[in-house]
Amino acid sequence: MKDKKLAKFVIILLALTMIVIMLVAGTYAKYTSTATGVDTVSVAKWSIKVGTTEIATATPQEIELDLFSSIKDSDGTAEANVAGVASGKSVTGGATAEDKLIAPGTSGSFSVSVENTSEVDATYSMSFVLTNASNIPLEFSTNGTTWVKPDAETGAIDVGVTDVALNMGATGTVPVQWRWAYTGAQSSQYTSTQNDTTDTTLGIAAQTTRPTATVTATIVATQVD
């Protein structure tokens, strides 16, 4: 009986010894390694400038449009023989110093530059709308060869500037020309409707209330996917 108790005690003692050895080994005799990783990302800048004006803002921006700031003769180079500071002539006939006066045979041009100062590639589109209640026979071009007139209903001027590539750091320039042909025969859009009578009617109306034409430009820049 004593031998059985002794044997049982020895077995229990051996088991406890093994458990202690395992605990000690688990606490002091093992390799251990730990690694952590962190990565941070930032948002790329979106910045588009038309001329010197930043248009990538919370609200739409107004840009300076100098379409009629310089009135030229039909050849596009000589100053027009029309009164008003825009052509460098004296102000006569009750015109104010701010008047920009056009007549048959006048023309002009200006350029719109779009700069991509973003950190992404982009495209841009440019559209123009003419408000012209008196139907002044104006036509427009971006190459001096192909001329278009505004849509009869909407006034939209389709100059074909759509989804033009504008990579990071690049600048796109769109030259826009306008003209009021001296005669319908010199026009590509008003050959059958512009004549001395229609032109003269506009000039006579200017004695009291000047017919006006207003061009509105819209530039839309879009990030490239």
C-alpha atoms as a PDB file:
ATOM      1  CA  MET A   1       0.000   0.000   0.000  1.00  0.00           C
ATOM      2  CA  LYS A   2       2.784   2.331   0.903  1.00  0.00           C
ATOM      3  CA  ASP A   3       4.543   1.423  -2.320  1.00  0.00           C
ATOM      4  CA  LYS A   4       1.469   2.374  -4.350  1.00  0.00           C
ATOM      5  CA  LYS A   5       1.158   5.684  -2.557  1.00  0.00           C
ATOM      6  CA  LEU A   6       4.843   6.323  -3.093  1.00  0.00           C
ATOM      7  CA  ALA A   7       4.607   5.484  -6.761  1.00  0.00           C
ATOM      8  CA  LYS A   8       1.583   7.765  -7.133  1.00  0.00           C
ATOM      9  CA  PHE A   9       3.430  10.543  -5.350  1.00  0.00           C
ATOM     10  CA  VAL A  10       6.434  10.110  -7.620  1.00  0.00           C
ATOM     11  CA  ILE A  11       4.225  10.268 -10.737  1.00  0.00           C
ATOM     12  CA  ILE A  12       2.527  13.416  -9.515  1.00  0.00           C
ATOM     13  CA  LEU A  13       5.878  14.936  -8.650  1.00  0.00           C
ATOM     14  CA  LEU A  14       7.251  14.109 -12.092  1.00  0.00           C
ATOM     15  CA  ALA A  15       4.176  15.619 -13.747  1.00  0.00           C
ATOM     16  CA  LEU A  16       4.506  18.803 -11.722  1.00  0.00           C
ATOM     17  CA  THR A  17       8.187  18.952 -12.580  1.00  0.00           C
ATOM     18  CA  MET A  18       7.435  18.665 -16.296  1.00  0.00           C
ATOM     19  CA  ILE A  19       4.820  21.423 -16.073  1.00  0.00           C
ATOM     20  CA  VAL A  20       7.262  23.709 -14.298  1.00  0.00           C
ATOM     21  CA  ILE A  21       9.969  22.966 -16.882  1.00  0.00           C
ATOM     22  CA  MET A  22       7.525  23.767 -19.710  1.00  0.00           C
ATOM     23  CA  LEU A  23       6.457  27.022 -18.071  1.00  0.00           C
ATOM     24  CA  VAL A  24      10.031  28.088 -17.478  1.00  0.00           C
ATOM     25  CA  ALA A  25      10.986  27.145 -21.016  1.00  0.00           C
ATOM     26  CA  GLY A  26       8.027  29.082 -22.401  1.00  0.00           C
ATOM     27  CA  THR A  27       8.938  32.154 -20.384  1.00  0.00           C
ATOM     28  CA  TYR A  28      12.677  32.344 -20.896  1.00  0.00           C
ATOM     29  CA  ALA A  29      13.654  30.209 -23.866  1.00  0.00           C
ATOM     30  CA  LYS A  30      11.991  31.443 -27.099  1.00  0.00           C
ATOM     31  CA  TYR A  31      12.534  33.815 -30.060  1.00  0.00           C
ATOM     32  CA  THR A  32      10.147  36.771 -30.347  1.00  0.00           C
ATOM     33  CA  SER A  33       9.875  39.450 -33.072  1.00  0.00           C
ATOM     34  CA  THR A  34       7.419  42.284 -33.751  1.00  0.00           C
ATOM     35  CA  ALA A  35       6.899  44.557 -36.774  1.00  0.00           C
ATOM     36  CA  THR A  36       4.520  47.452 -37.451  1.00  0.00           C
ATOM     37  CA  GLY A  37       4.017  49.497 -40.628  1.00  0.00           C
ATOM     38  CA  VAL A  38       2.635  52.989 -41.299  1.00  0.00           C
ATOM     39  CA  ASP A  39       1.889  54.653 -44.650  1.00  0.00           C
ATOM     40  CA  THR A  40       0.381  58.116 -45.282  1.00  0.00           C
ATOM     41  CA  VAL A  41      -1.195  59.456 -48.442  1.00  0.00           C
ATOM     42  CA  SER A  42      -2.004  63.051 -49.428  1.00  0.00           C
ATOM     43  CA  VAL A  43      -4.445  64.558 -51.917  1.00  0.00           C
ATOM     44  CA  ALA A  44      -3.027  65.794 -55.236  1.00  0.00           C
ATOM     45  CA  LYS A  45      -3.432  69.524 -55.908  1.00  0.00           C
ATOM     46  CA  TRP A  46      -6.059  70.681 -58.399  1.00  0.00           C
ATOM     47  CA  SER A  47      -5.144  74.065 -59.845  1.00  0.00           C
ATOM     48  CA  ILE A  48      -6.084  75.554 -63.216  1.00  0.00           C
ATOM     49  CA  LYS A  49      -5.339  79.134 -64.261  1.00  0.00           C
ATOM     50  CA  VAL A  50      -6.955  81.081 -67.070  1.00  0.00           C
ATOM     51  CA  GLY A  51      -4.520  83.892 -67.716  1.00  0.00           C
ATOM     52  CA  THR A  52      -3.503  84.847 -64.195  1.00  0.00           C
ATOM     53  CA  THR A  53      -6.837  83.908 -62.618  1.00  0.00           C
ATOM     54  CA  GLU A  54      -7.112  80.715 -60.562  1.00  0.00           C
ATOM     55  CA  ILE A  55     -10.413  79.066 -61.534  1.00  0.00           C
ATOM     56  CA  ALA A  56     -10.077  75.974 -59.316  1.00  0.00           C
ATOM     57  CA  THR A  57     -12.048  77.599 -56.519  1.00  0.00           C
ATOM     58  CA  ALA A  58     -15.208  76.846 -54.570  1.00  0.00           C
ATOM     59  CA  THR A  59     -17.211  79.235 -56.756  1.00  0.00           C
ATOM     60  CA  PRO A  60     -16.982  80.027 -60.502  1.00  0.00           C
ATOM     61  CA  GLN A  61     -14.561  82.820 -61.322  1.00  0.00           C
ATOM     62  CA  GLU A  62     -14.912  85.708 -63.754  1.00  0.00           C
ATOM     63  CA  ILE A  63     -12.054  86.194 -66.176  1.00  0.00           C
ATOM     64  CA  GLU A  64     -11.080  89.223 -68.211  1.00  0.00           C
ATOM     65  CA  LEU A  65     -12.107  88.791 -71.825  1.00  0.00           C
ATOM     66  CA  ASP A  66     -10.429  91.280 -74.155  1.00  0.00           C
ATOM     67  CA  LEU A  67     -12.130  90.249 -77.367  1.00  0.00           C
ATOM     68  CA  PHE A  68     -12.966  93.829 -78.348  1.00  0.00           C
ATOM     69  CA  SER A  69     -10.077  95.630 -76.659  1.00  0.00           C
ATOM     70  CA  SER A  70      -8.334  96.245 -79.968  1.00  0.00           C
ATOM     71  CA  ILE A  71     -10.409  97.127 -83.024  1.00  0.00           C
ATOM     72  CA  LYS A  72      -8.573  96.588 -86.306  1.00  0.00           C
ATOM     73  CA  ASP A  73      -9.347  97.209 -89.942  1.00  0.00           C
ATOM     74  CA  SER A  74     -10.457  94.328 -92.164  1.00  0.00           C
ATOM     75  CA  ASP A  75      -6.815  93.343 -92.754  1.00  0.00           C
ATOM     76  CA  GLY A  76      -6.474  92.578 -89.026  1.00  0.00           C
ATOM     77  CA  THR A  77      -3.398  94.770 -88.558  1.00  0.00           C
ATOM     78  CA  ALA A  78      -4.158  98.458 -89.236  1.00  0.00           C
ATOM     79  CA  GLU A  79      -6.141 100.461 -86.686  1.00  0.00           C
ATOM     80  CA  ALA A  80      -9.791 100.727 -87.646  1.00  0.00           C
ATOM     81  CA  ASN A  81     -11.084 104.028 -88.931  1.00  0.00           C
ATOM     82  CA  VAL A  82     -13.703 104.142 -86.157  1.00  0.00           C
ATOM     83  CA  ALA A  83     -13.991 106.588 -83.254  1.00  0.00           C
ATOM     84  CA  GLY A  84     -13.348 105.365 -79.735  1.00  0.00           C
ATOM     85  CA  VAL A  85     -10.381 104.644 -77.514  1.00  0.00           C
ATOM     86  CA  ALA A  86     -10.311 100.981 -78.532  1.00  0.00           C
ATOM     87  CA  SER A  87      -9.049 101.972 -81.977  1.00  0.00           C
ATOM     88  CA  GLY A  88      -6.877 104.841 -80.801  1.00  0.00           C
ATOM     89  CA  LYS A  89      -9.097 107.424 -82.506  1.00  0.00           C
ATOM     90  CA  SER A  90     -10.659 110.531 -80.988  1.00  0.00           C
ATOM     91  CA  VAL A  91     -13.925 110.165 -79.122  1.00  0.00           C
ATOM     92  CA  THR A  92     -16.667 111.842 -81.149  1.00  0.00           C
ATOM     93  CA  GLY A  93     -20.415 111.708 -81.645  1.00  0.00           C
ATOM     94  CA  GLY A  94     -21.220 111.497 -77.956  1.00  0.00           C
ATOM     95  CA  ALA A  95     -19.229 108.302 -77.382  1.00  0.00           C
ATOM     96  CA  THR A  96     -17.720 107.818 -73.949  1.00  0.00           C
ATOM     97  CA  ALA A  97     -14.116 106.899 -73.307  1.00  0.00           C
ATOM     98  CA  GLU A  98     -15.211 103.350 -72.465  1.00  0.00           C
ATOM     99  CA  ASP A  99     -16.971 102.685 -75.760  1.00  0.00           C
ATOM    100  CA  LYS A 100     -15.683  99.941 -78.000  1.00  0.00           C
ATOM    101  CA  LEU A 101     -17.060 100.747 -81.430  1.00  0.00           C
ATOM    102  CA  ILE A 102     -17.236  98.426 -84.426  1.00  0.00           C
ATOM    103  CA  ALA A 103     -18.494  98.895 -87.973  1.00  0.00           C
ATOM    104  CA  PRO A 104     -18.445  96.984 -91.262  1.00  0.00           C
ATOM    105  CA  GLY A 105     -14.853  96.134 -92.126  1.00  0.00           C
ATOM    106  CA  THR A 106     -13.604  95.891 -88.545  1.00  0.00           C
ATOM    107  CA  SER A 107     -12.004  92.871 -86.911  1.00  0.00           C
ATOM    108  CA  GLY A 108     -10.038  91.834 -83.861  1.00  0.00           C
ATOM    109  CA  SER A 109      -8.503  88.980 -81.968  1.00  0.00           C
ATOM    110  CA  PHE A 110      -7.460  87.847 -78.546  1.00  0.00           C
ATOM    111  CA  SER A 111      -6.027  84.726 -76.926  1.00  0.00           C
ATOM    112  CA  VAL A 112      -7.187  82.694 -73.952  1.00  0.00           C
ATOM    113  CA  SER A 113      -4.452  80.772 -72.126  1.00  0.00           C
ATOM    114  CA  VAL A 114      -5.181  77.854 -69.798  1.00  0.00           C
ATOM    115  CA  GLU A 115      -2.377  76.606 -67.516  1.00  0.00           C
ATOM    116  CA  ASN A 116      -2.422  73.320 -65.630  1.00  0.00           C
ATOM    117  CA  THR A 117      -0.600  73.925 -62.332  1.00  0.00           C
ATOM    118  CA  SER A 118      -2.199  70.803 -60.856  1.00  0.00           C
ATOM    119  CA  GLU A 119      -0.549  67.551 -59.813  1.00  0.00           C
ATOM    120  CA  VAL A 120      -2.771  65.611 -62.227  1.00  0.00           C
ATOM    121  CA  ASP A 121      -3.278  65.657 -65.983  1.00  0.00           C
ATOM    122  CA  ALA A 122      -6.368  67.384 -67.326  1.00  0.00           C
ATOM    123  CA  THR A 123      -8.326  68.381 -70.394  1.00  0.00           C
ATOM    124  CA  TYR A 124     -10.099  71.642 -71.120  1.00  0.00           C
ATOM    125  CA  SER A 125     -13.008  72.761 -73.254  1.00  0.00           C
ATOM    126  CA  MET A 126     -13.902  76.286 -74.262  1.00  0.00           C
ATOM    127  CA  SER A 127     -17.243  77.571 -75.474  1.00  0.00           C
ATOM    128  CA  PHE A 128     -18.563  80.983 -76.444  1.00  0.00           C
ATOM    129  CA  VAL A 129     -22.049  82.462 -76.577  1.00  0.00           C
ATOM    130  CA  LEU A 130     -22.938  85.664 -78.401  1.00  0.00           C
ATOM    131  CA  THR A 131     -25.781  87.869 -77.164  1.00  0.00           C
ATOM    132  CA  ASN A 132     -26.649  89.854 -80.259  1.00  0.00           C
ATOM    133  CA  ALA A 133     -30.251  91.049 -80.344  1.00  0.00           C
ATOM    134  CA  SER A 134     -29.645  93.355 -83.306  1.00  0.00           C
ATOM    135  CA  ASN A 135     -28.081  90.609 -85.429  1.00  0.00           C
ATOM    136  CA  ILE A 136     -24.768  92.316 -86.084  1.00  0.00           C
ATOM    137  CA  PRO A 137     -23.191  89.977 -88.685  1.00  0.00           C
ATOM    138  CA  LEU A 138     -20.219  88.861 -86.623  1.00  0.00           C
ATOM    139  CA  GLU A 139     -18.321  85.675 -87.393  1.00  0.00           C
ATOM    140  CA  PHE A 140     -15.549  83.940 -85.452  1.00  0.00           C
ATOM    141  CA  SER A 141     -12.515  81.773 -86.056  1.00  0.00           C
ATOM    142  CA  THR A 142      -9.667  80.121 -84.159  1.00  0.00           C
ATOM    143  CA  ASN A 143      -7.416  79.662 -87.181  1.00  0.00           C
ATOM    144  CA  GLY A 144      -8.216  82.611 -89.450  1.00  0.00           C
ATOM    145  CA  THR A 145      -9.403  80.243 -92.183  1.00  0.00           C
ATOM    146  CA  THR A 146     -12.584  78.561 -91.005  1.00  0.00           C
ATOM    147  CA  TRP A 147     -15.207  81.050 -89.840  1.00  0.00           C
ATOM    148  CA  VAL A 148     -18.419  80.272 -87.979  1.00  0.00           C
ATOM    149  CA  LYS A 149     -21.428  82.299 -86.936  1.00  0.00           C
ATOM    150  CA  PRO A 150     -23.405  81.936 -83.715  1.00  0.00           C
ATOM    151  CA  ASP A 151     -26.330  79.545 -83.549  1.00  0.00           C
ATOM    152  CA  ALA A 152     -29.489  81.436 -84.489  1.00  0.00           C
ATOM    153  CA  GLU A 153     -31.399  80.231 -81.407  1.00  0.00           C
ATOM    154  CA  THR A 154     -28.825  79.849 -78.626  1.00  0.00           C
ATOM    155  CA  GLY A 155     -26.052  82.199 -79.744  1.00  0.00           C
ATOM    156  CA  ALA A 156     -23.510  79.400 -79.224  1.00  0.00           C
ATOM    157  CA  ILE A 157     -20.282  79.826 -81.187  1.00  0.00           C
ATOM    158  CA  ASP A 158     -18.847  76.416 -82.021  1.00  0.00           C
ATOM    159  CA  VAL A 159     -15.105  76.992 -82.340  1.00  0.00           C
ATOM    160  CA  GLY A 160     -14.261  73.304 -81.816  1.00  0.00           C
ATOM    161  CA  VAL A 161     -12.253  73.566 -78.586  1.00  0.00           C
ATOM    162  CA  THR A 162     -13.335  70.386 -76.786  1.00  0.00           C
ATOM    163  CA  ASP A 163     -11.417  68.015 -74.476  1.00  0.00           C
ATOM    164  CA  VAL A 164      -7.998  69.406 -75.363  1.00  0.00           C
ATOM    165  CA  ALA A 165      -5.187  67.592 -73.511  1.00  0.00           C
ATOM    166  CA  LEU A 166      -3.519  69.684 -70.810  1.00  0.00           C
ATOM    167  CA  ASN A 167      -0.873  67.703 -68.974  1.00  0.00           C
ATOM    168  CA  MET A 168       0.702  68.741 -65.677  1.00  0.00           C
ATOM    169  CA  GLY A 169       2.682  71.961 -66.094  1.00  0.00           C
ATOM    170  CA  ALA A 170       1.391  72.561 -69.623  1.00  0.00           C
ATOM    171  CA  THR A 171      -0.288  75.670 -71.019  1.00  0.00           C
ATOM    172  CA  GLY A 172      -2.855  75.669 -73.789  1.00  0.00           C
ATOM    173  CA  THR A 173      -3.587  78.796 -75.825  1.00  0.00           C
ATOM    174  CA  VAL A 174      -6.677  79.380 -77.929  1.00  0.00           C
ATOM    175  CA  PRO A 175      -6.531  82.323 -80.374  1.00  0.00           C
ATOM    176  CA  VAL A 176      -9.981  83.705 -81.162  1.00  0.00           C
ATOM    177  CA  GLN A 177     -10.656  86.080 -84.056  1.00  0.00           C
ATOM    178  CA  TRP A 178     -13.794  87.991 -84.970  1.00  0.00           C
ATOM    179  CA  ARG A 179     -14.796  90.110 -87.913  1.00  0.00           C
ATOM    180  CA  TRP A 180     -17.630  92.127 -89.385  1.00  0.00           C
ATOM    181  CA  ALA A 181     -17.006  91.773 -93.093  1.00  0.00           C
ATOM    182  CA  TYR A 182     -17.108  94.979 -95.128  1.00  0.00           C
ATOM    183  CA  THR A 183     -19.510  93.339 -97.576  1.00  0.00           C
ATOM    184  CA  GLY A 184     -21.404  90.064 -97.583  1.00  0.00           C
ATOM    185  CA  ALA A 185     -19.204  88.901-100.452  1.00  0.00           C
ATOM    186  CA  GLN A 186     -16.199  89.073 -98.107  1.00  0.00           C
ATOM    187  CA  SER A 187     -17.957  86.943 -95.510  1.00  0.00           C
ATOM    188  CA  SER A 188     -18.159  83.166 -95.344  1.00  0.00           C
ATOM    189  CA  GLN A 189     -21.343  83.134 -93.240  1.00  0.00           C
ATOM    190  CA  TYR A 190     -23.456  86.108 -94.315  1.00  0.00           C
ATOM    191  CA  THR A 191     -22.973  86.168 -98.074  1.00  0.00           C
ATOM    192  CA  SER A 192     -26.710  86.288 -98.791  1.00  0.00           C
ATOM    193  CA  THR A 193     -27.991  88.263 -95.792  1.00  0.00           C
ATOM    194  CA  GLN A 194     -25.435  91.034 -95.267  1.00  0.00           C
ATOM    195  CA  ASN A 195     -25.822  93.986 -97.582  1.00  0.00           C
ATOM    196  CA  ASP A 196     -25.588  97.768 -97.522  1.00  0.00           C
ATOM    197  CA  THR A 197     -29.157  98.098 -96.267  1.00  0.00           C
ATOM    198  CA  THR A 198     -28.765  95.786 -93.270  1.00  0.00           C
ATOM    199  CA  ASP A 199     -25.435  97.336 -92.287  1.00  0.00           C
ATOM    200  CA  THR A 200     -26.730 100.873 -92.703  1.00  0.00           C
ATOM    201  CA  THR A 201     -29.775 100.085 -90.553  1.00  0.00           C
ATOM    202  CA  LEU A 202     -27.466  99.160 -87.681  1.00  0.00           C
ATOM    203  CA  GLY A 203     -25.472 102.365 -88.097  1.00  0.00           C
ATOM    204  CA  ILE A 204     -28.590 104.543 -88.099  1.00  0.00           C
ATOM    205  CA  ALA A 205     -29.885 102.820 -84.947  1.00  0.00           C
ATOM    206  CA  ALA A 206     -26.633 103.810 -83.208  1.00  0.00           C
ATOM    207  CA  GLN A 207     -27.716 107.480 -83.454  1.00  0.00           C
ATOM    208  CA  THR A 208     -30.041 106.875 -80.512  1.00  0.00           C
ATOM    209  CA  THR A 209     -29.495 103.428 -78.976  1.00  0.00           C
ATOM    210  CA  ARG A 210     -26.373 101.597 -79.990  1.00  0.00           C
ATOM    211  CA  PRO A 211     -26.861  97.968 -81.073  1.00  0.00           C
ATOM    212  CA  THR A 212     -24.527  95.830 -78.952  1.00  0.00           C
ATOM    213  CA  ALA A 213     -22.987  92.389 -79.049  1.00  0.00           C
ATOM    214  CA  THR A 214     -21.705  90.593 -75.963  1.00  0.00           C
ATOM    215  CA  VAL A 215     -19.527  87.485 -75.988  1.00  0.00           C
ATOM    216  CA  THR A 216     -19.496  85.200 -72.957  1.00  0.00           C
ATOM    217  CA  ALA A 217     -16.713  82.615 -72.677  1.00  0.00           C
ATOM    218  CA  THR A 218     -16.881  79.487 -70.544  1.00  0.00           C
ATOM    219  CA  ILE A 219     -13.781  77.413 -69.814  1.00  0.00           C
ATOM    220  CA  VAL A 220     -14.182  73.970 -68.227  1.00  0.00           C
ATOM    221  CA  ALA A 221     -11.166  71.966 -67.036  1.00  0.00           C
ATOM    222  CA  THR A 222     -11.521  68.279 -66.122  1.00  0.00           C
ATOM    223  CA  GLN A 223      -9.093  65.865 -64.486  1.00  0.00           C
ATOM    224  CA  VAL A 224      -8.006  62.960 -66.672  1.00  0.00           C
ATOM    225  CA  ASP A 225      -8.902  59.568 -65.168  1.00  0.00           C
END
